[in-house]
Amino acid sequence: MLQVLSSAWALLLGIGLLMVGNGLQGTLLGVRGEIEGFTTFEMSLVMSAYFVGFLGGSRMAPEMIRRVGHVRVFAALASFISAVMIMYPVLPDTYAWMLGRVIIGFCFSGVYVTAESWLNNAADNSNRGKALSLYMIVQVTGIIVAQGLIQVGDPGGYEAFIIASILVSVSFGPILLSISPTPAFDSTKPMSLKALMKTSPLGCVGMLLLGGVFSAQFGMSAVYAANVGLTLTQLSIFIATFYVGALFLQYPLGWLSDRMDRRVLILFVALLGGGGAMLGVLMGQRFELLLLAALIIGGLSNPLYSLLIAYTNDYLDYDDMPAASGGLVFINGLGAIAGPVTTGWLMSDGVFGPPGFFVFIAALMFATAAYAAYRATQRASTPIEETGSVAYMYPTASPVAVELAQEAAHEASQTAPESQ
């Protein structure tokens, strides 16, 4: 780990600042939208627009990098991100915010692709797994720290948006000044969705449903918190709790995944996640139980992303894993686009009201568990000794990081087969 830090500390510092800025702007919009009088459904469209841009960026960024290079893409996308963050308080309009979120999502996706390529270049086979694990921890920690900064400045003014813009602008300094070699970039053509679905129906359906769960957390949690009247301090703690849970439960669940039938683990993780969401539906008026619901949901839904990727890989040849990763991320992105819109509709006064936020998450988690139980009756499980190691990933990663994590997991399974 020290070797990773010594070779990639500037890159990790830049990514950390970038995630603080991204996490801050997402929460700020949820609070500012309530101040500006946006309806819940209008805010759901704004939040969904981010995932439209993110999905588009993950598909187009590789071609942009091949044409003009990493540095130019990185610098150009950075300027757009900073500009849009300043634009939000200047143009408090639904359509302007939707356009801004599309641009922000596109740019962040491209930035992740570029940064993760550099990270891969800075690591080698002996430490790539540790580098990616540290990268994921930095990403999630950045989002958690961002929730504390929401209280710096008035969300109804300009200061907080300026801080988010500054953080993003500053984040590129250590990255661009410390990276000397430009990494080679050769993206893999994704496996067709039809072939991927045939290989792993549970992996595909689970990733689609999980995309909705994650986008509800990332996009609509601040809208929910504002709607139920949480104070700014309570709101920041509530949102941060989702990601605190993810940090603590990712590795224990990954350890279990390497030692038991992954379908059974997916089933129980999804059931418990759905139970946590129902706790929010029934007892969300008590703040301490609201935090418990967020801890359970975040702690289980984020590791579920890694479990579904690992389960899908159990039915793939190693050479097909990079191609499949692009398809899985794409499917997850489709679910993420629909998530905020559906959540916004369920949260409207004519349906469930604010508890619709948890109703949506519960429905998707229970659906995942039900489908896992069904698939268990359709195909024999893969023997544990024949499964690969789990790749620790969070839904914020681009297809590049997913491919790299699969390589690291495969390397780990080859060098330590006795752990299976």
Protein backbone atom coordinates (compact mmCIF):
# COMPACT_ATOMS: atom_id res chain seq x y z
CA MET A 1 0.00 0.00 0.00
CA LEU A 2 2.90 2.36 0.74
CA GLN A 3 4.27 1.64 -2.73
CA VAL A 4 0.91 2.58 -4.23
CA LEU A 5 0.77 5.81 -2.21
CA SER A 6 4.29 6.81 -3.19
CA SER A 7 3.62 6.35 -6.90
CA ALA A 8 0.04 7.60 -7.14
CA TRP A 9 -0.58 9.93 -4.18
CA ALA A 10 -1.11 13.01 -6.37
CA LEU A 11 -3.60 11.17 -8.57
CA LEU A 12 -5.50 9.89 -5.54
CA LEU A 13 -5.48 13.37 -3.95
CA GLY A 14 -6.89 14.85 -7.14
CA ILE A 15 -9.60 12.19 -7.36
CA GLY A 16 -10.48 12.77 -3.71
CA LEU A 17 -10.97 16.50 -4.29
CA LEU A 18 -12.93 15.76 -7.44
CA MET A 19 -15.32 13.47 -5.55
CA VAL A 20 -15.79 16.07 -2.81
CA GLY A 21 -16.82 18.57 -5.48
CA ASN A 22 -19.13 16.08 -7.21
CA GLY A 23 -20.75 14.94 -3.97
CA LEU A 24 -21.21 18.53 -2.84
CA GLN A 25 -22.92 19.70 -6.03
CA GLY A 26 -25.37 16.79 -6.00
CA THR A 27 -26.48 17.48 -2.44
CA LEU A 28 -26.54 21.24 -2.98
CA LEU A 29 -28.97 20.89 -5.87
CA GLY A 30 -31.37 18.84 -3.77
CA VAL A 31 -31.43 21.55 -1.09
CA ARG A 32 -31.42 24.49 -3.50
CA GLY A 33 -34.25 22.95 -5.53
CA GLU A 34 -36.45 22.97 -2.43
CA ILE A 35 -35.52 26.62 -1.78
CA GLU A 36 -36.33 27.57 -5.39
CA GLY A 37 -39.70 25.83 -5.21
CA PHE A 38 -39.00 23.05 -7.73
CA THR A 39 -41.47 20.18 -7.52
CA THR A 40 -40.23 16.72 -6.57
CA PHE A 41 -40.82 15.48 -10.11
CA GLU A 42 -38.88 18.42 -11.59
CA MET A 43 -35.96 17.60 -9.30
CA SER A 44 -36.14 13.95 -10.30
CA LEU A 45 -35.70 14.98 -13.96
CA VAL A 46 -32.71 17.14 -12.98
CA MET A 47 -31.10 14.29 -11.04
CA SER A 48 -31.79 11.75 -13.78
CA ALA A 49 -30.06 13.98 -16.35
CA TYR A 50 -26.70 13.34 -14.63
CA PHE A 51 -26.92 9.63 -15.42
CA VAL A 52 -27.89 10.33 -19.03
CA GLY A 53 -24.69 12.31 -19.41
CA PHE A 54 -22.64 9.79 -17.45
CA LEU A 55 -23.77 6.92 -19.66
CA GLY A 56 -23.03 8.92 -22.79
CA GLY A 57 -19.62 9.95 -21.51
CA SER A 58 -18.58 6.38 -20.71
CA ARG A 59 -19.30 5.45 -24.32
CA MET A 60 -17.73 8.50 -25.99
CA ALA A 61 -14.75 9.30 -23.76
CA PRO A 62 -12.52 6.50 -25.11
CA GLU A 63 -12.85 7.84 -28.66
CA MET A 64 -12.17 11.41 -27.46
CA ILE A 65 -9.01 10.23 -25.70
CA ARG A 66 -7.76 8.37 -28.77
CA ARG A 67 -8.27 11.43 -30.96
CA VAL A 68 -6.76 14.23 -28.84
CA GLY A 69 -5.06 12.55 -25.87
CA HIS A 70 -5.60 12.22 -22.13
CA VAL A 71 -4.33 15.66 -21.09
CA ARG A 72 -6.51 17.65 -23.49
CA VAL A 73 -9.62 15.65 -22.64
CA PHE A 74 -8.92 16.02 -18.92
CA ALA A 75 -8.40 19.79 -19.11
CA ALA A 76 -11.40 20.43 -21.37
CA LEU A 77 -13.81 18.44 -19.25
CA ALA A 78 -12.52 20.13 -16.09
CA SER A 79 -13.34 23.57 -17.47
CA PHE A 80 -16.89 22.53 -18.34
CA ILE A 81 -17.47 21.05 -14.87
CA SER A 82 -16.34 24.22 -13.10
CA ALA A 83 -18.44 26.42 -15.40
CA VAL A 84 -21.61 24.40 -14.88
CA MET A 85 -21.24 24.44 -11.10
CA ILE A 86 -21.18 28.24 -11.17
CA MET A 87 -24.15 28.27 -13.54
CA TYR A 88 -26.54 26.47 -11.17
CA PRO A 89 -27.29 29.38 -8.78
CA VAL A 90 -27.24 31.90 -11.64
CA LEU A 91 -29.94 30.09 -13.66
CA PRO A 92 -32.37 28.41 -11.23
CA ASP A 93 -34.47 26.90 -14.01
CA THR A 94 -35.45 23.24 -14.46
CA TYR A 95 -34.30 22.99 -18.08
CA ALA A 96 -31.04 24.84 -17.43
CA TRP A 97 -30.27 22.53 -14.52
CA MET A 98 -31.14 19.45 -16.59
CA LEU A 99 -28.75 20.57 -19.33
CA GLY A 100 -26.10 21.33 -16.72
CA ARG A 101 -26.50 17.90 -15.15
CA VAL A 102 -26.16 16.18 -18.53
CA ILE A 103 -22.92 18.10 -19.12
CA ILE A 104 -21.67 17.39 -15.58
CA GLY A 105 -22.43 13.67 -15.90
CA PHE A 106 -20.74 13.46 -19.29
CA CYS A 107 -17.64 15.29 -18.07
CA PHE A 108 -17.26 13.33 -14.85
CA SER A 109 -17.56 10.07 -16.75
CA GLY A 110 -14.79 11.16 -19.13
CA VAL A 111 -12.64 12.34 -16.22
CA TYR A 112 -13.02 8.96 -14.48
CA VAL A 113 -12.05 7.09 -17.64
CA THR A 114 -8.94 9.26 -18.00
CA ALA A 115 -7.92 9.13 -14.32
CA GLU A 116 -8.43 5.38 -14.09
CA SER A 117 -6.25 4.87 -17.16
CA TRP A 118 -3.51 6.87 -15.42
CA LEU A 119 -4.00 4.86 -12.24
CA ASN A 120 -3.56 1.64 -14.15
CA ASN A 121 -0.38 3.03 -15.69
CA ALA A 122 0.99 3.93 -12.26
CA ALA A 123 0.37 0.42 -10.89
CA ASP A 124 1.71 -3.00 -11.83
CA ASN A 125 0.48 -6.57 -11.44
CA SER A 126 1.81 -6.79 -7.89
CA ASN A 127 -0.09 -3.79 -6.53
CA ARG A 128 -2.93 -3.14 -8.99
CA GLY A 129 -5.52 -4.65 -6.65
CA LYS A 130 -4.37 -2.47 -3.74
CA ALA A 131 -4.31 0.61 -5.99
CA LEU A 132 -7.88 0.07 -7.12
CA SER A 133 -9.06 -0.64 -3.57
CA LEU A 134 -7.45 2.58 -2.38
CA TYR A 135 -8.98 4.43 -5.34
CA MET A 136 -12.47 3.18 -4.41
CA ILE A 137 -11.97 4.15 -0.76
CA VAL A 138 -10.85 7.64 -1.81
CA GLN A 139 -13.93 8.02 -4.03
CA VAL A 140 -16.40 7.09 -1.31
CA THR A 141 -14.54 9.08 1.36
CA GLY A 142 -14.72 12.12 -0.91
CA ILE A 143 -18.51 11.86 -1.10
CA ILE A 144 -18.71 11.51 2.69
CA VAL A 145 -16.51 14.57 3.28
CA ALA A 146 -18.66 16.54 0.83
CA GLN A 147 -21.68 16.15 3.09
CA GLY A 148 -19.83 17.96 5.87
CA LEU A 149 -19.05 20.86 3.55
CA ILE A 150 -22.74 21.37 2.74
CA GLN A 151 -22.91 23.46 5.91
CA VAL A 152 -20.19 25.85 4.70
CA GLY A 153 -22.05 28.74 3.14
CA ASP A 154 -25.74 29.26 2.58
CA PRO A 155 -27.25 26.81 0.01
CA GLY A 156 -29.59 29.64 -0.97
CA GLY A 157 -26.61 31.80 -2.00
CA TYR A 158 -23.51 31.36 -4.13
CA GLU A 159 -20.72 30.44 -1.70
CA ALA A 160 -21.29 26.68 -1.56
CA PHE A 161 -21.47 26.39 -5.35
CA ILE A 162 -18.26 28.40 -5.68
CA ILE A 163 -16.56 26.07 -3.20
CA ALA A 164 -17.63 23.04 -5.26
CA SER A 165 -16.28 24.69 -8.42
CA ILE A 166 -12.97 25.55 -6.71
CA LEU A 167 -12.55 21.99 -5.43
CA VAL A 168 -13.01 20.57 -8.92
CA SER A 169 -10.63 23.13 -10.45
CA VAL A 170 -7.94 22.52 -7.82
CA SER A 171 -8.27 18.74 -8.14
CA PHE A 172 -6.71 18.75 -11.60
CA GLY A 173 -3.53 20.48 -10.42
CA PRO A 174 -1.88 17.55 -8.61
CA ILE A 175 -3.03 15.13 -11.32
CA LEU A 176 -1.74 17.04 -14.34
CA LEU A 177 1.47 18.23 -12.68
CA SER A 178 2.50 14.81 -11.39
CA ILE A 179 1.71 12.55 -14.34
CA SER A 180 4.57 12.47 -16.84
CA PRO A 181 3.98 9.41 -19.04
CA THR A 182 0.77 9.37 -21.04
CA PRO A 183 -0.76 5.93 -20.69
CA ALA A 184 -1.72 3.86 -23.68
CA PHE A 185 -5.46 3.57 -24.12
CA ASP A 186 -7.17 0.67 -25.82
CA SER A 187 -10.78 0.19 -24.82
CA THR A 188 -12.48 -3.15 -25.30
CA LYS A 189 -15.56 -3.49 -27.45
CA PRO A 190 -18.42 -4.49 -25.13
CA MET A 191 -20.02 -7.90 -25.41
CA SER A 192 -23.48 -7.74 -26.99
CA LEU A 193 -26.27 -7.36 -24.44
CA LYS A 194 -27.99 -10.43 -25.87
CA ALA A 195 -24.90 -12.57 -25.33
CA LEU A 196 -24.38 -11.11 -21.86
CA MET A 197 -27.98 -11.78 -20.87
CA LYS A 198 -27.68 -15.36 -22.08
CA THR A 199 -24.48 -15.83 -20.09
CA SER A 200 -25.77 -14.37 -16.82
CA PRO A 201 -29.45 -13.38 -16.58
CA LEU A 202 -29.12 -12.65 -12.86
CA GLY A 203 -26.07 -10.46 -13.43
CA CYS A 204 -27.88 -8.39 -16.06
CA VAL A 205 -31.23 -8.07 -14.27
CA GLY A 206 -29.50 -7.40 -10.96
CA MET A 207 -27.32 -4.65 -12.45
CA LEU A 208 -30.35 -2.99 -14.07
CA LEU A 209 -32.29 -2.95 -10.79
CA LEU A 210 -29.24 -1.89 -8.80
CA GLY A 211 -28.72 1.06 -11.13
CA GLY A 212 -32.08 2.37 -9.96
CA VAL A 213 -31.18 1.83 -6.31
CA PHE A 214 -27.85 3.63 -6.60
CA SER A 215 -29.23 6.58 -8.57
CA ALA A 216 -31.98 7.02 -5.96
CA GLN A 217 -29.30 7.20 -3.25
CA PHE A 218 -26.96 9.47 -5.17
CA GLY A 219 -29.59 11.64 -6.83
CA MET A 220 -32.70 11.74 -4.67
CA SER A 221 -31.57 11.33 -1.06
CA ALA A 222 -31.05 15.09 -0.69
CA VAL A 223 -34.46 15.76 -2.27
CA TYR A 224 -36.08 13.34 0.18
CA ALA A 225 -34.27 14.88 3.16
CA ALA A 226 -35.32 18.39 2.12
CA ASN A 227 -38.93 17.28 1.62
CA VAL A 228 -39.25 15.77 5.09
CA GLY A 229 -37.80 18.88 6.70
CA LEU A 230 -34.44 17.64 7.98
CA THR A 231 -32.09 20.36 9.15
CA LEU A 232 -28.98 20.97 7.08
CA THR A 233 -26.88 19.09 9.65
CA GLN A 234 -29.28 16.14 9.71
CA LEU A 235 -29.40 16.11 5.91
CA SER A 236 -25.62 15.90 5.59
CA ILE A 237 -25.39 13.10 8.18
CA PHE A 238 -28.22 11.18 6.50
CA ILE A 239 -26.59 11.24 3.06
CA ALA A 240 -23.12 10.48 4.41
CA THR A 241 -24.47 7.41 6.23
CA PHE A 242 -25.23 5.65 2.93
CA TYR A 243 -21.55 5.77 2.02
CA VAL A 244 -20.23 5.03 5.51
CA GLY A 245 -22.14 1.75 5.33
CA ALA A 246 -20.56 1.00 1.96
CA LEU A 247 -17.05 1.49 3.35
CA PHE A 248 -17.57 -0.88 6.26
CA LEU A 249 -19.46 -3.74 4.59
CA GLN A 250 -17.78 -3.99 1.18
CA TYR A 251 -14.89 -6.18 2.32
CA PRO A 252 -16.73 -8.49 4.76
CA LEU A 253 -19.32 -9.29 2.08
CA GLY A 254 -16.55 -9.75 -0.48
CA TRP A 255 -14.85 -12.21 1.89
CA LEU A 256 -18.10 -14.17 2.22
CA SER A 257 -18.58 -14.07 -1.55
CA ASP A 258 -15.35 -16.01 -2.08
CA ARG A 259 -16.49 -18.74 0.31
CA MET A 260 -20.15 -19.47 -0.42
CA ASP A 261 -22.68 -19.73 -3.23
CA ARG A 262 -22.87 -16.19 -4.61
CA ARG A 263 -26.53 -16.51 -5.58
CA VAL A 264 -27.46 -17.26 -1.98
CA LEU A 265 -25.42 -14.29 -0.77
CA ILE A 266 -26.96 -12.00 -3.41
CA LEU A 267 -30.43 -13.17 -2.35
CA PHE A 268 -29.87 -12.48 1.36
CA VAL A 269 -28.05 -9.18 0.79
CA ALA A 270 -30.92 -7.95 -1.39
CA LEU A 271 -33.51 -9.14 1.15
CA LEU A 272 -31.75 -7.34 4.00
CA GLY A 273 -31.37 -4.22 1.86
CA GLY A 274 -35.09 -4.28 1.11
CA GLY A 275 -35.77 -4.71 4.82
CA GLY A 276 -33.66 -1.65 5.56
CA ALA A 277 -35.68 0.34 3.03
CA MET A 278 -38.93 -0.80 4.64
CA LEU A 279 -37.56 0.44 7.96
CA GLY A 280 -37.29 3.86 6.30
CA VAL A 281 -40.87 3.62 5.03
CA LEU A 282 -42.37 2.64 8.39
CA MET A 283 -40.11 4.42 10.88
CA GLY A 284 -38.51 7.22 8.88
CA GLN A 285 -40.01 9.89 11.10
CA ARG A 286 -37.45 8.98 13.80
CA PHE A 287 -34.07 10.34 12.77
CA GLU A 288 -31.99 7.63 14.42
CA LEU A 289 -33.97 4.92 12.61
CA LEU A 290 -33.71 6.90 9.39
CA LEU A 291 -29.92 6.73 9.77
CA LEU A 292 -30.10 2.99 10.45
CA ALA A 293 -32.11 2.53 7.25
CA ALA A 294 -29.52 4.52 5.28
CA LEU A 295 -26.66 2.53 6.83
CA ILE A 296 -28.28 -0.79 5.88
CA ILE A 297 -29.20 0.29 2.35
CA GLY A 298 -25.82 1.84 1.53
CA GLY A 299 -23.90 -0.90 3.28
CA LEU A 300 -25.60 -3.64 1.27
CA SER A 301 -26.45 -2.10 -2.12
CA ASN A 302 -22.91 -0.93 -2.91
CA PRO A 303 -21.26 -4.32 -2.23
CA LEU A 304 -24.06 -5.94 -4.21
CA TYR A 305 -22.57 -4.23 -7.28
CA SER A 306 -19.31 -6.11 -6.77
CA LEU A 307 -21.12 -9.37 -6.05
CA LEU A 308 -23.10 -9.21 -9.29
CA ILE A 309 -19.94 -8.56 -11.33
CA ALA A 310 -18.15 -11.45 -9.62
CA TYR A 311 -21.14 -13.76 -10.13
CA THR A 312 -21.27 -12.91 -13.85
CA ASN A 313 -17.54 -13.57 -14.18
CA ASP A 314 -18.05 -17.08 -12.80
CA TYR A 315 -19.71 -17.96 -16.12
CA LEU A 316 -17.19 -16.21 -18.37
CA ASP A 317 -13.80 -17.12 -19.73
CA TYR A 318 -11.14 -14.72 -18.49
CA ASP A 319 -10.65 -13.28 -21.99
CA ASP A 320 -14.35 -12.34 -22.14
CA MET A 321 -14.44 -10.48 -18.80
CA PRO A 322 -13.22 -7.09 -20.11
CA ALA A 323 -15.81 -7.19 -22.90
CA ALA A 324 -18.56 -8.09 -20.45
CA SER A 325 -17.64 -5.28 -18.06
CA GLY A 326 -18.68 -2.61 -20.55
CA GLY A 327 -22.05 -4.26 -21.00
CA LEU A 328 -22.66 -4.56 -17.27
CA VAL A 329 -21.81 -0.91 -16.66
CA PHE A 330 -24.08 0.09 -19.55
CA ILE A 331 -27.00 -1.93 -18.14
CA ASN A 332 -26.43 -0.40 -14.71
CA GLY A 333 -26.45 3.04 -16.34
CA LEU A 334 -29.81 2.39 -17.99
CA GLY A 335 -31.30 1.56 -14.60
CA ALA A 336 -29.68 4.66 -13.12
CA ILE A 337 -31.34 6.93 -15.69
CA ALA A 338 -34.82 5.63 -14.83
CA GLY A 339 -34.22 5.63 -11.06
CA PRO A 340 -34.63 9.31 -10.11
CA VAL A 341 -37.64 9.81 -12.41
CA THR A 342 -39.47 6.81 -10.96
CA THR A 343 -38.51 7.83 -7.44
CA GLY A 344 -39.76 11.37 -8.06
CA TRP A 345 -43.12 10.05 -9.25
CA LEU A 346 -43.47 7.79 -6.21
CA MET A 347 -42.57 10.69 -3.92
CA SER A 348 -45.29 12.93 -5.34
CA ASP A 349 -48.23 13.84 -3.12
CA GLY A 350 -50.69 11.80 -5.15
CA VAL A 351 -48.75 8.56 -4.67
CA PHE A 352 -46.66 7.79 -1.54
CA GLY A 353 -45.24 11.22 -0.77
CA PRO A 354 -41.66 11.40 0.60
CA PRO A 355 -41.68 7.72 1.78
CA GLY A 356 -41.83 6.82 -1.92
CA PHE A 357 -38.04 7.22 -1.85
CA PHE A 358 -37.73 4.14 0.34
CA VAL A 359 -40.63 2.33 -1.34
CA PHE A 360 -38.74 2.44 -4.65
CA ILE A 361 -35.51 1.10 -3.13
CA ALA A 362 -37.39 -1.65 -1.27
CA ALA A 363 -39.21 -2.74 -4.43
CA LEU A 364 -35.98 -3.02 -6.43
CA MET A 365 -34.10 -4.86 -3.69
CA PHE A 366 -36.92 -7.35 -3.13
CA ALA A 367 -37.22 -7.84 -6.90
CA THR A 368 -33.49 -8.63 -7.04
CA ALA A 369 -33.87 -11.18 -4.24
CA ALA A 370 -36.88 -12.78 -5.92
CA TYR A 371 -35.07 -13.09 -9.24
CA ALA A 372 -31.99 -14.55 -7.52
CA ALA A 373 -34.23 -17.19 -5.91
CA TYR A 374 -35.80 -17.97 -9.28
CA ARG A 375 -32.43 -18.29 -11.04
CA ALA A 376 -31.27 -20.70 -8.33
CA THR A 377 -33.89 -23.13 -9.65
CA GLN A 378 -32.76 -22.78 -13.27
CA ARG A 379 -29.04 -23.57 -13.15
CA ALA A 380 -26.64 -25.41 -10.89
CA SER A 381 -24.29 -23.21 -8.89
CA THR A 382 -20.62 -22.93 -9.78
CA PRO A 383 -18.42 -24.91 -7.35
CA ILE A 384 -16.75 -22.53 -4.91
CA GLU A 385 -13.27 -23.76 -5.81
CA GLU A 386 -13.90 -22.75 -9.43
CA THR A 387 -15.02 -19.19 -8.73
CA GLY A 388 -12.73 -16.19 -8.98
CA SER A 389 -12.06 -13.55 -6.35
CA VAL A 390 -14.49 -10.67 -5.99
CA ALA A 391 -13.50 -7.34 -7.55
CA TYR A 392 -14.19 -4.55 -5.06
CA MET A 393 -16.03 -1.85 -6.98
CA TYR A 394 -18.52 0.95 -6.39
CA PRO A 395 -21.14 2.13 -8.90
CA THR A 396 -19.25 5.41 -9.35
CA ALA A 397 -16.53 3.63 -11.34
CA SER A 398 -16.22 3.74 -15.13
CA PRO A 399 -15.86 0.64 -17.34
CA VAL A 400 -12.08 1.15 -17.24
CA ALA A 401 -11.91 0.60 -13.47
CA VAL A 402 -14.25 -2.39 -13.70
CA GLU A 403 -11.94 -4.01 -16.27
CA LEU A 404 -8.88 -3.29 -14.14
CA ALA A 405 -10.55 -4.65 -11.01
CA GLN A 406 -11.42 -7.85 -12.84
CA GLU A 407 -7.80 -8.24 -13.89
CA ALA A 408 -6.64 -7.68 -10.31
CA ALA A 409 -9.21 -10.15 -8.95
CA HIS A 410 -8.15 -12.76 -11.50
CA GLU A 411 -4.50 -12.23 -10.56
CA ALA A 412 -5.37 -12.66 -6.89
CA SER A 413 -7.30 -15.87 -7.53
CA GLN A 414 -4.32 -17.27 -9.43
CA THR A 415 -1.74 -16.42 -6.79
CA ALA A 416 -3.84 -17.45 -3.75
CA PRO A 417 -6.07 -20.37 -4.80
CA GLU A 418 -6.10 -21.78 -1.30
CA SER A 419 -8.27 -18.86 -0.10
CA GLN A 420 -11.11 -20.27 -2.16
